[in-house]
PDB file of N, CA and C in Angstrom:
ATOM      1  N   MET A   1       0.513  -1.377  -0.256  1.00  0.00           N
ATOM      2  CA  MET A   1       0.331   0.041   0.108  1.00  0.00           C
ATOM      3  C   MET A   1       1.475   1.068   0.101  1.00  0.00           C
ATOM      4  N   LEU A   2       0.355   2.196  -1.018  1.00  0.00           N
ATOM      5  CA  LEU A   2       1.500   3.014  -0.915  1.00  0.00           C
ATOM      6  C   LEU A   2       1.949   4.377  -0.085  1.00  0.00           C
ATOM      7  N   TYR A   3       0.504   4.878  -0.015  1.00  0.00           N
ATOM      8  CA  TYR A   3       0.047   5.612   1.369  1.00  0.00           C
ATOM      9  C   TYR A   3      -1.095   5.522   2.520  1.00  0.00           C
ATOM     10  N   PRO A   4      -0.023   4.099   3.511  1.00  0.00           N
ATOM     11  CA  PRO A   4      -1.326   4.021   4.107  1.00  0.00           C
ATOM     12  C   PRO A   4      -2.654   4.855   4.412  1.00  0.00           C
ATOM     13  N   PRO A   5      -4.046   4.213   4.989  1.00  0.00           N
ATOM     14  CA  PRO A   5      -4.558   5.231   5.961  1.00  0.00           C
ATOM     15  C   PRO A   5      -3.972   5.781   6.767  1.00  0.00           C
ATOM     16  N   GLY A   6      -3.403   5.409   8.104  1.00  0.00           N
ATOM     17  CA  GLY A   6      -2.612   6.407   9.219  1.00  0.00           C
ATOM     18  C   GLY A   6      -1.232   7.967   8.904  1.00  0.00           C
ATOM     19  N   LYS A   7      -1.450   7.947   7.357  1.00  0.00           N
ATOM     20  CA  LYS A   7      -0.392   8.891   6.617  1.00  0.00           C
ATOM     21  C   LYS A   7      -1.855  10.348   6.244  1.00  0.00           C
ATOM     22  N   TRP A   8      -3.160   9.412   6.008  1.00  0.00           N
ATOM     23  CA  TRP A   8      -3.603  10.555   6.194  1.00  0.00           C
ATOM     24  C   TRP A   8      -4.755  10.443   6.429  1.00  0.00           C
ATOM     25  N   ASN A   9      -5.485   9.659   7.126  1.00  0.00           N
ATOM     26  CA  ASN A   9      -6.934  10.045   7.838  1.00  0.00           C
ATOM     27  C   ASN A   9      -6.868  11.133   9.016  1.00  0.00           C
ATOM     28  N   VAL A  10      -7.472  11.548   8.778  1.00  0.00           N
ATOM     29  CA  VAL A  10      -7.619  12.725  10.337  1.00  0.00           C
ATOM     30  C   VAL A  10      -8.957  12.585  11.668  1.00  0.00           C
ATOM     31  N   HIS A  11      -9.364  11.323  11.591  1.00  0.00           N
ATOM     32  CA  HIS A  11     -10.153  10.964  12.591  1.00  0.00           C
ATOM     33  C   HIS A  11      -9.930  11.107  13.709  1.00  0.00           C
ATOM     34  N   ALA A  12      -8.910  10.949  14.029  1.00  0.00           N
ATOM     35  CA  ALA A  12      -7.842  10.946  15.350  1.00  0.00           C
ATOM     36  C   ALA A  12      -8.154  12.560  15.585  1.00  0.00           C
ATOM     37  N   ALA A  13      -6.959  13.204  15.311  1.00  0.00           N
ATOM     38  CA  ALA A  13      -6.955  14.977  15.186  1.00  0.00           C
ATOM     39  C   ALA A  13      -8.100  15.231  14.536  1.00  0.00           C
ATOM     40  N   THR A  14      -9.753  15.266  14.068  1.00  0.00           N
ATOM     41  CA  THR A  14     -10.570  15.993  13.957  1.00  0.00           C
ATOM     42  C   THR A  14     -11.012  15.623  15.835  1.00  0.00           C
ATOM     43  N   LEU A  15     -10.462  14.408  16.269  1.00  0.00           N
ATOM     44  CA  LEU A  15     -11.935  13.900  18.213  1.00  0.00           C
ATOM     45  C   LEU A  15     -11.222  14.496  18.967  1.00  0.00           C
ATOM     46  N   ASN A  16      -9.599  14.772  18.220  1.00  0.00           N
ATOM     47  CA  ASN A  16      -8.929  15.445  19.586  1.00  0.00           C
ATOM     48  C   ASN A  16      -8.828  17.518  18.724  1.00  0.00           C
ATOM     49  N   ASN A  17      -9.325  17.448  18.589  1.00  0.00           N
ATOM     50  CA  ASN A  17      -9.245  19.146  17.600  1.00  0.00           C
ATOM     51  C   ASN A  17      -7.798  19.500  17.607  1.00  0.00           C
ATOM     52  N   ASP A  18      -7.054  18.770  16.872  1.00  0.00           N
ATOM     53  CA  ASP A  18      -5.853  19.158  16.463  1.00  0.00           C
ATOM     54  C   ASP A  18      -5.925  19.196  15.158  1.00  0.00           C
ATOM     55  N   THR A  19      -4.763  20.169  14.677  1.00  0.00           N
ATOM     56  CA  THR A  19      -5.208  20.253  13.344  1.00  0.00           C
ATOM     57  C   THR A  19      -4.679  19.263  12.425  1.00  0.00           C
ATOM     58  N   ARG A  20      -5.716  19.553  10.805  1.00  0.00           N
ATOM     59  CA  ARG A  20      -6.197  18.511  10.264  1.00  0.00           C
ATOM     60  C   ARG A  20      -4.934  18.792   8.713  1.00  0.00           C
ATOM     61  N   THR A  21      -3.680  19.226   8.528  1.00  0.00           N
ATOM     62  CA  THR A  21      -3.021  18.896   7.681  1.00  0.00           C
ATOM     63  C   THR A  21      -1.618  18.367   8.585  1.00  0.00           C
ATOM     64  N   ASN A  22      -1.034  17.832   7.590  1.00  0.00           N
ATOM     65  CA  ASN A  22       0.401  16.974   7.888  1.00  0.00           C
ATOM     66  C   ASN A  22       1.486  18.031   6.888  1.00  0.00           C
ATOM     67  N   ASN A  23       1.382  18.510   6.395  1.00  0.00           N
ATOM     68  CA  ASN A  23       2.303  19.764   5.346  1.00  0.00           C
ATOM     69  C   ASN A  23       2.723  20.461   6.262  1.00  0.00           C
ATOM     70  N   ILE A  24       3.688  20.044   7.008  1.00  0.00           N
ATOM     71  CA  ILE A  24       4.901  21.529   7.392  1.00  0.00           C
ATOM     72  C   ILE A  24       4.916  22.343   6.307  1.00  0.00           C
ATOM     73  N   CYS A  25       5.594  21.880   5.681  1.00  0.00           N
ATOM     74  CA  CYS A  25       6.481  22.937   4.213  1.00  0.00           C
ATOM     75  C   CYS A  25       4.900  23.099   3.552  1.00  0.00           C
ATOM     76  N   GLU A  26       4.058  22.981   3.126  1.00  0.00           N
ATOM     77  CA  GLU A  26       3.102  24.052   2.982  1.00  0.00           C
ATOM     78  C   GLU A  26       2.660  25.379   3.820  1.00  0.00           C
ATOM     79  N   GLY A  27       2.457  24.886   5.740  1.00  0.00           N
ATOM     80  CA  GLY A  27       2.600  26.240   5.748  1.00  0.00           C
ATOM     81  C   GLY A  27       3.791  27.116   5.923  1.00  0.00           C
ATOM     82  N   TRP A  28       5.081  26.231   6.063  1.00  0.00           N
ATOM     83  CA  TRP A  28       5.996  27.778   6.183  1.00  0.00           C
ATOM     84  C   TRP A  28       6.245  28.306   4.546  1.00  0.00           C
ATOM     85  N   ASN A  29       5.810  27.675   3.346  1.00  0.00           N
ATOM     86  CA  ASN A  29       6.167  28.166   2.056  1.00  0.00           C
ATOM     87  C   ASN A  29       4.985  29.080   1.907  1.00  0.00           C
ATOM     88  N   ASN A  30       3.370  29.341   2.548  1.00  0.00           N
ATOM     89  CA  ASN A  30       2.809  30.309   2.576  1.00  0.00           C
ATOM     90  C   ASN A  30       3.863  31.301   3.462  1.00  0.00           C
ATOM     91  N   GLU A  31       4.030  31.441   4.702  1.00  0.00           N
ATOM     92  CA  GLU A  31       4.190  31.637   5.526  1.00  0.00           C
ATOM     93  C   GLU A  31       5.751  32.710   5.000  1.00  0.00           C
ATOM     94  N   PHE A  32       6.309  32.080   4.023  1.00  0.00           N
ATOM     95  CA  PHE A  32       7.295  32.819   3.489  1.00  0.00           C
ATOM     96  C   PHE A  32       6.809  33.722   2.840  1.00  0.00           C
ATOM     97  N   ARG A  33       5.898  33.219   1.940  1.00  0.00           N
ATOM     98  CA  ARG A  33       4.994  33.966   0.353  1.00  0.00           C
ATOM     99  C   ARG A  33       4.683  35.323   1.251  1.00  0.00           C
ATOM    100  N   ASN A  34       4.008  35.163   2.294  1.00  0.00           N
ATOM    101  CA  ASN A  34       3.148  36.211   2.856  1.00  0.00           C
ATOM    102  C   ASN A  34       4.358  37.353   3.186  1.00  0.00           C
ATOM    103  N   LEU A  35       4.765  36.727   3.738  1.00  0.00           N
ATOM    104  CA  LEU A  35       6.355  37.496   4.488  1.00  0.00           C
ATOM    105  C   LEU A  35       7.252  38.745   3.064  1.00  0.00           C
ATOM    106  N   MET A  36       7.101  37.981   2.107  1.00  0.00           N
ATOM    107  CA  MET A  36       7.719  38.911   1.224  1.00  0.00           C
ATOM    108  C   MET A  36       7.069  39.334   0.834  1.00  0.00           C
ATOM    109  N   GLY A  37       5.453  39.639   0.314  1.00  0.00           N
ATOM    110  CA  GLY A  37       4.788  40.348  -0.212  1.00  0.00           C
ATOM    111  C   GLY A  37       4.946  39.878  -1.961  1.00  0.00           C
ATOM    112  N   ASN A  38       5.014  39.564  -2.479  1.00  0.00           N
ATOM    113  CA  ASN A  38       5.889  39.249  -3.409  1.00  0.00           C
ATOM    114  C   ASN A  38       6.152  37.582  -3.695  1.00  0.00           C
ATOM    115  N   LYS A  39       6.357  37.389  -5.164  1.00  0.00           N
ATOM    116  CA  LYS A  39       6.873  36.332  -5.945  1.00  0.00           C
ATOM    117  C   LYS A  39       8.412  36.972  -6.190  1.00  0.00           C
ATOM    118  N   HIS A  40       8.995  38.023  -6.519  1.00  0.00           N
ATOM    119  CA  HIS A  40       9.790  37.827  -6.550  1.00  0.00           C
ATOM    120  C   HIS A  40      10.427  39.373  -6.097  1.00  0.00           C
ATOM    121  N   PRO A  41      10.721  39.105  -4.343  1.00  0.00           N
ATOM    122  CA  PRO A  41      11.117  40.366  -4.043  1.00  0.00           C
ATOM    123  C   PRO A  41      12.383  41.185  -4.403  1.00  0.00           C
ATOM    124  N   LEU A  42      12.713  41.875  -4.159  1.00  0.00           N
ATOM    125  CA  LEU A  42      14.172  43.022  -4.331  1.00  0.00           C
ATOM    126  C   LEU A  42      15.653  41.976  -2.624  1.00  0.00           C
ATOM    127  N   VAL A  43      16.559  41.877  -3.471  1.00  0.00           N
ATOM    128  CA  VAL A  43      17.060  41.354  -2.273  1.00  0.00           C
ATOM    129  C   VAL A  43      17.044  42.227  -0.737  1.00  0.00           C
ATOM    130  N   TRP A  44      16.978  43.617  -0.706  1.00  0.00           N
ATOM    131  CA  TRP A  44      17.191  44.100   0.188  1.00  0.00           C
ATOM    132  C   TRP A  44      16.058  43.641   1.062  1.00  0.00           C
ATOM    133  N   LYS A  45      14.732  43.813   0.478  1.00  0.00           N
ATOM    134  CA  LYS A  45      13.689  43.287   1.241  1.00  0.00           C
ATOM    135  C   LYS A  45      13.698  42.028   1.249  1.00  0.00           C
ATOM    136  N   VAL A  46      14.623  41.754   0.957  1.00  0.00           N
ATOM    137  CA  VAL A  46      14.597  39.591   1.190  1.00  0.00           C
ATOM    138  C   VAL A  46      15.078  39.713   2.931  1.00  0.00           C
ATOM    139  N   ILE A  47      16.933  40.805   2.508  1.00  0.00           N
ATOM    140  CA  ILE A  47      17.099  40.513   3.625  1.00  0.00           C
ATOM    141  C   ILE A  47      16.883  41.246   4.461  1.00  0.00           C
ATOM    142  N   GLN A  48      16.022  42.806   4.538  1.00  0.00           N
ATOM    143  CA  GLN A  48      15.615  42.952   5.656  1.00  0.00           C
ATOM    144  C   GLN A  48      13.336  41.848   6.669  1.00  0.00           C
ATOM    145  N   ARG A  49      13.196  41.685   5.252  1.00  0.00           N
ATOM    146  CA  ARG A  49      11.951  41.220   5.670  1.00  0.00           C
ATOM    147  C   ARG A  49      13.017  39.787   6.961  1.00  0.00           C
ATOM    148  N   SER A  50      14.006  39.053   7.035  1.00  0.00           N
ATOM    149  CA  SER A  50      14.382  37.445   6.893  1.00  0.00           C
ATOM    150  C   SER A  50      14.527  38.100   8.102  1.00  0.00           C
ATOM    151  N   GLN A  51      15.533  39.184   8.602  1.00  0.00           N
ATOM    152  CA  GLN A  51      15.412  39.311   9.839  1.00  0.00           C
ATOM    153  C   GLN A  51      14.575  39.866  10.387  1.00  0.00           C
ATOM    154  N   GLN A  52      14.096  40.580  10.185  1.00  0.00           N
ATOM    155  CA  GLN A  52      12.507  40.369  10.728  1.00  0.00           C
ATOM    156  C   GLN A  52      12.166  39.142  11.462  1.00  0.00           C
ATOM    157  N   ASP A  53      11.473  38.172  10.667  1.00  0.00           N
ATOM    158  CA  ASP A  53      11.194  37.055  10.763  1.00  0.00           C
ATOM    159  C   ASP A  53      12.526  36.599  12.102  1.00  0.00           C
ATOM    160  N   TRP A  54      13.610  36.637  12.005  1.00  0.00           N
ATOM    161  CA  TRP A  54      14.330  36.601  13.010  1.00  0.00           C
ATOM    162  C   TRP A  54      14.335  37.049  13.892  1.00  0.00           C
ATOM    163  N   ASN A  55      14.235  37.702  14.216  1.00  0.00           N
ATOM    164  CA  ASN A  55      13.595  38.140  15.355  1.00  0.00           C
ATOM    165  C   ASN A  55      12.224  37.947  15.753  1.00  0.00           C
ATOM    166  N   SER A  56      11.644  37.431  15.387  1.00  0.00           N
ATOM    167  CA  SER A  56      10.509  36.906  15.493  1.00  0.00           C
ATOM    168  C   SER A  56      10.228  34.721  16.544  1.00  0.00           C
ATOM    169  N   VAL A  57      11.732  34.999  15.804  1.00  0.00           N
ATOM    170  CA  VAL A  57      12.307  33.501  16.153  1.00  0.00           C
ATOM    171  C   VAL A  57      12.362  33.490  17.744  1.00  0.00           C
ATOM    172  N   GLU A  58      13.411  34.488  17.862  1.00  0.00           N
ATOM    173  CA  GLU A  58      14.224  34.613  18.918  1.00  0.00           C
ATOM    174  C   GLU A  58      13.081  34.760  19.535  1.00  0.00           C
ATOM    175  N   VAL A  59      11.785  35.211  19.923  1.00  0.00           N
ATOM    176  CA  VAL A  59      10.635  35.985  20.541  1.00  0.00           C
ATOM    177  C   VAL A  59      10.247  34.089  21.253  1.00  0.00           C
ATOM    178  N   ILE A  60       9.757  33.279  19.793  1.00  0.00           N
ATOM    179  CA  ILE A  60       8.940  31.671  19.749  1.00  0.00           C
ATOM    180  C   ILE A  60      10.299  31.714  21.210  1.00  0.00           C
ATOM    181  N   ILE A  61      11.233  31.574  20.070  1.00  0.00           N
ATOM    182  CA  ILE A  61      12.487  30.763  21.160  1.00  0.00           C
ATOM    183  C   ILE A  61      12.437  30.574  22.953  1.00  0.00           C
ATOM    184  N   GLN A  62      12.510  32.494  23.246  1.00  0.00           N
ATOM    185  CA  GLN A  62      12.670  32.637  24.455  1.00  0.00           C
ATOM    186  C   GLN A  62      11.399  31.674  25.234  1.00  0.00           C
ATOM    187  N   HIS A  63      10.454  32.683  24.175  1.00  0.00           N
ATOM    188  CA  HIS A  63       8.865  31.709  25.379  1.00  0.00           C
ATOM    189  C   HIS A  63       9.366  29.901  25.511  1.00  0.00           C
ATOM    190  N   ASP A  64       9.765  29.806  24.251  1.00  0.00           N
ATOM    191  CA  ASP A  64       9.694  28.180  24.629  1.00  0.00           C
ATOM    192  C   ASP A  64      10.789  27.640  25.793  1.00  0.00           C
ATOM    193  N   ALA A  65      11.969  28.952  25.875  1.00  0.00           N
ATOM    194  CA  ALA A  65      12.404  28.428  26.970  1.00  0.00           C
ATOM    195  C   ALA A  65      12.050  28.249  28.379  1.00  0.00           C
ATOM    196  N   MET A  66      11.269  29.407  28.458  1.00  0.00           N
ATOM    197  CA  MET A  66      10.674  28.944  30.193  1.00  0.00           C
ATOM    198  C   MET A  66       9.802  29.096  30.049  1.00  0.00           C
ATOM    199  N   ARG A  67       9.849  28.094  29.253  1.00  0.00           N
ATOM    200  CA  ARG A  67       7.883  27.117  29.315  1.00  0.00           C
ATOM    201  C   ARG A  67       6.663  28.069  29.757  1.00  0.00           C
ATOM    202  N   GLN A  68       6.438  28.991  28.440  1.00  0.00           N
ATOM    203  CA  GLN A  68       5.430  29.835  28.174  1.00  0.00           C
ATOM    204  C   GLN A  68       5.112  30.083  26.207  1.00  0.00           C
ATOM    205  N   PRO A  69       5.267  28.664  25.733  1.00  0.00           N
ATOM    206  CA  PRO A  69       4.556  28.936  24.795  1.00  0.00           C
ATOM    207  C   PRO A  69       3.715  29.988  24.408  1.00  0.00           C
ATOM    208  N   LEU A  70       3.907  30.252  23.230  1.00  0.00           N
ATOM    209  CA  LEU A  70       3.585  31.437  22.584  1.00  0.00           C
ATOM    210  C   LEU A  70       1.718  30.600  21.584  1.00  0.00           C
ATOM    211  N   ALA A  71       0.790  30.867  21.811  1.00  0.00           N
ATOM    212  CA  ALA A  71      -0.880  29.900  21.151  1.00  0.00           C
ATOM    213  C   ALA A  71      -0.732  30.932  19.879  1.00  0.00           C
ATOM    214  N   LYS A  72      -0.529  29.774  19.051  1.00  0.00           N
ATOM    215  CA  LYS A  72      -0.919  29.880  17.471  1.00  0.00           C
ATOM    216  C   LYS A  72      -2.722  30.523  17.332  1.00  0.00           C
ATOM    217  N   SER A  73      -2.367  31.048  16.260  1.00  0.00           N
ATOM    218  CA  SER A  73      -3.062  31.695  15.928  1.00  0.00           C
ATOM    219  C   SER A  73      -4.454  31.030  15.065  1.00  0.00           C
ATOM    220  N   GLN A  74      -6.072  31.099  14.607  1.00  0.00           N
ATOM    221  CA  GLN A  74      -6.321  30.275  13.881  1.00  0.00           C
ATOM    222  C   GLN A  74      -7.313  30.822  13.441  1.00  0.00           C
ATOM    223  N   ARG A  75      -7.528  30.924  12.445  1.00  0.00           N
ATOM    224  CA  ARG A  75      -8.226  31.619  11.544  1.00  0.00           C
ATOM    225  C   ARG A  75      -9.992  30.733  12.002  1.00  0.00           C
ATOM    226  N   LYS A  76     -10.713  31.844  12.443  1.00  0.00           N
ATOM    227  CA  LYS A  76     -11.424  31.710  13.295  1.00  0.00           C
ATOM    228  C   LYS A  76     -13.479  30.428  11.890  1.00  0.00           C
ATOM    229  N   LYS A  77     -12.826  30.939  10.912  1.00  0.00           N
ATOM    230  CA  LYS A  77     -13.177  29.888   9.965  1.00  0.00           C
ATOM    231  C   LYS A  77     -13.301  28.869   9.986  1.00  0.00           C
ATOM    232  N   TYR A  78     -11.764  28.779   9.811  1.00  0.00           N
ATOM    233  CA  TYR A  78     -11.224  26.938   9.997  1.00  0.00           C
ATOM    234  C   TYR A  78     -11.406  26.216  11.306  1.00  0.00           C
ATOM    235  N   VAL A  79     -11.557  27.131  12.476  1.00  0.00           N
ATOM    236  CA  VAL A  79     -12.524  26.404  13.813  1.00  0.00           C
ATOM    237  C   VAL A  79     -13.581  26.100  13.827  1.00  0.00           C
ATOM    238  N   ASP A  80     -14.421  26.648  13.373  1.00  0.00           N
ATOM    239  CA  ASP A  80     -15.889  26.514  13.006  1.00  0.00           C
ATOM    240  C   ASP A  80     -15.456  25.544  12.240  1.00  0.00           C
ATOM    241  N   ILE A  81     -15.607  25.135  11.178  1.00  0.00           N
ATOM    242  CA  ILE A  81     -15.522  23.684  10.289  1.00  0.00           C
ATOM    243  C   ILE A  81     -15.070  22.779  11.306  1.00  0.00           C
ATOM    244  N   GLN A  82     -13.787  22.739  12.047  1.00  0.00           N
ATOM    245  CA  GLN A  82     -12.944  21.755  12.224  1.00  0.00           C
ATOM    246  C   GLN A  82     -14.261  21.206  14.020  1.00  0.00           C
ATOM    247  N   THR A  83     -14.962  22.398  14.017  1.00  0.00           N
ATOM    248  CA  THR A  83     -15.857  22.006  15.260  1.00  0.00           C
ATOM    249  C   THR A  83     -17.228  21.266  14.315  1.00  0.00           C
ATOM    250  N   CYS A  84     -17.630  22.062  13.499  1.00  0.00           N
ATOM    251  CA  CYS A  84     -19.085  21.143  13.080  1.00  0.00           C
ATOM    252  C   CYS A  84     -17.971  19.602  12.465  1.00  0.00           C
ATOM    253  N   PHE A  85     -17.238  19.379  12.001  1.00  0.00           N
ATOM    254  CA  PHE A  85     -16.630  17.550  11.821  1.00  0.00           C
ATOM    255  C   PHE A  85     -16.569  17.434  12.531  1.00  0.00           C
ATOM    256  N   ARG A  86     -16.448  17.653  13.962  1.00  0.00           N
ATOM    257  CA  ARG A  86     -16.466  16.879  15.122  1.00  0.00           C
ATOM    258  C   ARG A  86     -17.873  16.872  16.071  1.00  0.00           C
ATOM    259  N   ASN A  87     -18.392  17.820  15.831  1.00  0.00           N
ATOM    260  CA  ASN A  87     -19.448  17.402  16.255  1.00  0.00           C
ATOM    261  C   ASN A  87     -20.405  16.369  15.425  1.00  0.00           C
ATOM    262  N   LEU A  88     -19.849  16.959  13.958  1.00  0.00           N
ATOM    263  CA  LEU A  88     -21.283  15.949  13.194  1.00  0.00           C
ATOM    264  C   LEU A  88     -20.583  14.492  13.153  1.00  0.00           C
ATOM    265  N   TYR A  89     -19.297  13.813  13.554  1.00  0.00           N
ATOM    266  CA  TYR A  89     -18.534  12.173  14.506  1.00  0.00           C
ATOM    267  C   TYR A  89     -19.717  12.173  15.457  1.00  0.00           C
ATOM    268  N   LEU A  90     -19.411  13.011  16.151  1.00  0.00           N
ATOM    269  CA  LEU A  90     -20.017  12.662  17.674  1.00  0.00           C
ATOM    270  C   LEU A  90     -21.213  12.280  17.661  1.00  0.00           C
ATOM    271  N   ASP A  91     -22.137  12.764  16.970  1.00  0.00           N
ATOM    272  CA  ASP A  91     -23.401  13.234  16.725  1.00  0.00           C
ATOM    273  C   ASP A  91     -24.063  11.224  15.655  1.00  0.00           C
ATOM    274  N   TYR A  92     -22.460  11.370  15.011  1.00  0.00           N
ATOM    275  CA  TYR A  92     -23.171  10.141  14.193  1.00  0.00           C
ATOM    276  C   TYR A  92     -22.473   9.004  14.878  1.00  0.00           C
ATOM    277  N   ASN A  93     -21.387   8.954  16.321  1.00  0.00           N
ATOM    278  CA  ASN A  93     -21.319   7.902  16.529  1.00  0.00           C
ATOM    279  C   ASN A  93     -22.395   7.807  17.766  1.00  0.00           C
ATOM    280  N   SER A  94     -22.490   8.753  18.225  1.00  0.00           N
ATOM    281  CA  SER A  94     -23.402   8.318  19.619  1.00  0.00           C
ATOM    282  C   SER A  94     -25.162   8.270  18.799  1.00  0.00           C
ATOM    283  N   ARG A  95     -25.324   8.427  17.825  1.00  0.00           N
ATOM    284  CA  ARG A  95     -26.713   7.918  16.128  1.00  0.00           C
ATOM    285  C   ARG A  95     -27.915   8.981  17.187  1.00  0.00           C
ATOM    286  N   ARG A  96     -27.039   9.477  17.319  1.00  0.00           N
ATOM    287  CA  ARG A  96     -27.941  10.836  17.151  1.00  0.00           C
ATOM    288  C   ARG A  96     -28.105  11.316  15.526  1.00  0.00           C
ATOM    289  N   LYS A  97     -27.320  10.804  14.588  1.00  0.00           N
ATOM    290  CA  LYS A  97     -27.586  10.991  13.443  1.00  0.00           C
ATOM    291  C   LYS A  97     -27.182   9.957  12.446  1.00  0.00           C
ATOM    292  N   ASP A  98     -27.649   9.765  11.226  1.00  0.00           N
ATOM    293  CA  ASP A  98     -27.493   7.974  10.967  1.00  0.00           C
ATOM    294  C   ASP A  98     -26.992   8.741   9.729  1.00  0.00           C
ATOM    295  N   ILE A  99     -26.113   7.575   8.410  1.00  0.00           N
ATOM    296  CA  ILE A  99     -25.535   7.469   7.995  1.00  0.00           C
ATOM    297  C   ILE A  99     -25.724   9.422   6.921  1.00  0.00           C
ATOM    298  N   GLY A 100     -26.865   8.922   6.137  1.00  0.00           N
ATOM    299  CA  GLY A 100     -27.528   9.822   5.360  1.00  0.00           C
ATOM    300  C   GLY A 100     -26.972  11.389   5.645  1.00  0.00           C
ATOM    301  N   GLN A 101     -27.666  11.820   7.067  1.00  0.00           N
ATOM    302  CA  GLN A 101     -27.302  13.325   7.564  1.00  0.00           C
ATOM    303  C   GLN A 101     -25.803  13.560   7.828  1.00  0.00           C
ATOM    304  N   PHE A 102     -24.983  11.871   9.007  1.00  0.00           N
ATOM    305  CA  PHE A 102     -23.898  12.641   8.540  1.00  0.00           C
ATOM    306  C   PHE A 102     -23.216  12.618   7.474  1.00  0.00           C
ATOM    307  N   LEU A 103     -22.931  12.184   6.394  1.00  0.00           N
ATOM    308  CA  LEU A 103     -22.518  12.638   5.140  1.00  0.00           C
ATOM    309  C   LEU A 103     -23.256  13.597   4.270  1.00  0.00           C
ATOM    310  N   ASN A 104     -24.595  14.344   4.748  1.00  0.00           N
ATOM    311  CA  ASN A 104     -25.024  15.625   4.331  1.00  0.00           C
ATOM    312  C   ASN A 104     -23.808  17.339   4.910  1.00  0.00           C
ATOM    313  N   GLY A 105     -24.358  16.333   6.246  1.00  0.00           N
ATOM    314  CA  GLY A 105     -23.490  17.608   6.673  1.00  0.00           C
ATOM    315  C   GLY A 105     -22.220  18.238   6.792  1.00  0.00           C
ATOM    316  N   VAL A 106     -21.271  16.316   6.425  1.00  0.00           N
ATOM    317  CA  VAL A 106     -19.554  16.672   6.292  1.00  0.00           C
ATOM    318  C   VAL A 106     -20.083  17.090   4.001  1.00  0.00           C
ATOM    319  N   ALA A 107     -20.974  16.834   3.320  1.00  0.00           N
ATOM    320  CA  ALA A 107     -21.069  17.211   2.390  1.00  0.00           C
ATOM    321  C   ALA A 107     -20.869  18.889   2.169  1.00  0.00           C
ATOM    322  N   GLN A 108     -21.848  19.479   2.989  1.00  0.00           N
ATOM    323  CA  GLN A 108     -22.571  21.089   3.597  1.00  0.00           C
ATOM    324  C   GLN A 108     -21.299  21.283   3.683  1.00  0.00           C
ATOM    325  N   ASN A 109     -20.442  21.409   5.193  1.00  0.00           N
ATOM    326  CA  ASN A 109     -19.165  22.189   5.434  1.00  0.00           C
ATOM    327  C   ASN A 109     -18.870  22.170   4.305  1.00  0.00           C
ATOM    328  N   VAL A 110     -18.322  20.353   4.064  1.00  0.00           N
ATOM    329  CA  VAL A 110     -17.018  20.978   2.483  1.00  0.00           C
ATOM    330  C   VAL A 110     -17.495  22.296   1.035  1.00  0.00           C
ATOM    331  N   ARG A 111     -18.748  22.087   0.620  1.00  0.00           N
ATOM    332  CA  ARG A 111     -19.091  23.405  -0.010  1.00  0.00           C
ATOM    333  C   ARG A 111     -19.275  24.113   0.482  1.00  0.00           C
ATOM    334  N   ILE A 112     -19.181  24.306   1.796  1.00  0.00           N
ATOM    335  CA  ILE A 112     -19.197  26.611   2.871  1.00  0.00           C
ATOM    336  C   ILE A 112     -17.064  26.325   2.620  1.00  0.00           C
ATOM    337  N   LEU A 113     -16.439  24.659   2.966  1.00  0.00           N
ATOM    338  CA  LEU A 113     -15.188  25.236   2.701  1.00  0.00           C
ATOM    339  C   LEU A 113     -14.514  25.600   1.662  1.00  0.00           C
ATOM    340  N   GLY A 114     -15.392  25.097   0.188  1.00  0.00           N
ATOM    341  CA  GLY A 114     -14.920  26.358  -1.066  1.00  0.00           C
ATOM    342  C   GLY A 114     -15.038  27.195  -1.557  1.00  0.00           C
ATOM    343  N   GLN A 115     -15.675  27.550  -0.570  1.00  0.00           N
ATOM    344  CA  GLN A 115     -16.586  28.948  -1.155  1.00  0.00           C
ATOM    345  C   GLN A 115     -15.588  29.955   0.385  1.00  0.00           C
ATOM    346  N   ILE A 116     -14.480  29.384   1.108  1.00  0.00           N
ATOM    347  CA  ILE A 116     -14.008  30.602   1.664  1.00  0.00           C
ATOM    348  C   ILE A 116     -12.446  30.653   0.710  1.00  0.00           C
TER     349      ILE A 116
END
């Protein structure tokens, strides 16, 4: 099996309110692109923004050393979607919803997610 379910299944992450992505590189690339502001920044801008980013990293390191990690910010819309998926699963698992209602709820949330 090329990709076993443990690699892509987000069942446990949904129940534990963890992040549902396993691609840390995607997050880093998004942050870097946002930091630079465009695809082809000038060298001086790269240097300046990299120094700003390093200052932010130093603050994170200091907080970790004091065992006071900074809270990660999450967009409300993604927190809401995560909560919906978790509630749908819990309702299905406790038999408050049948499989049709469960799949309909998932489809509604996927449709909403696609419009974001």
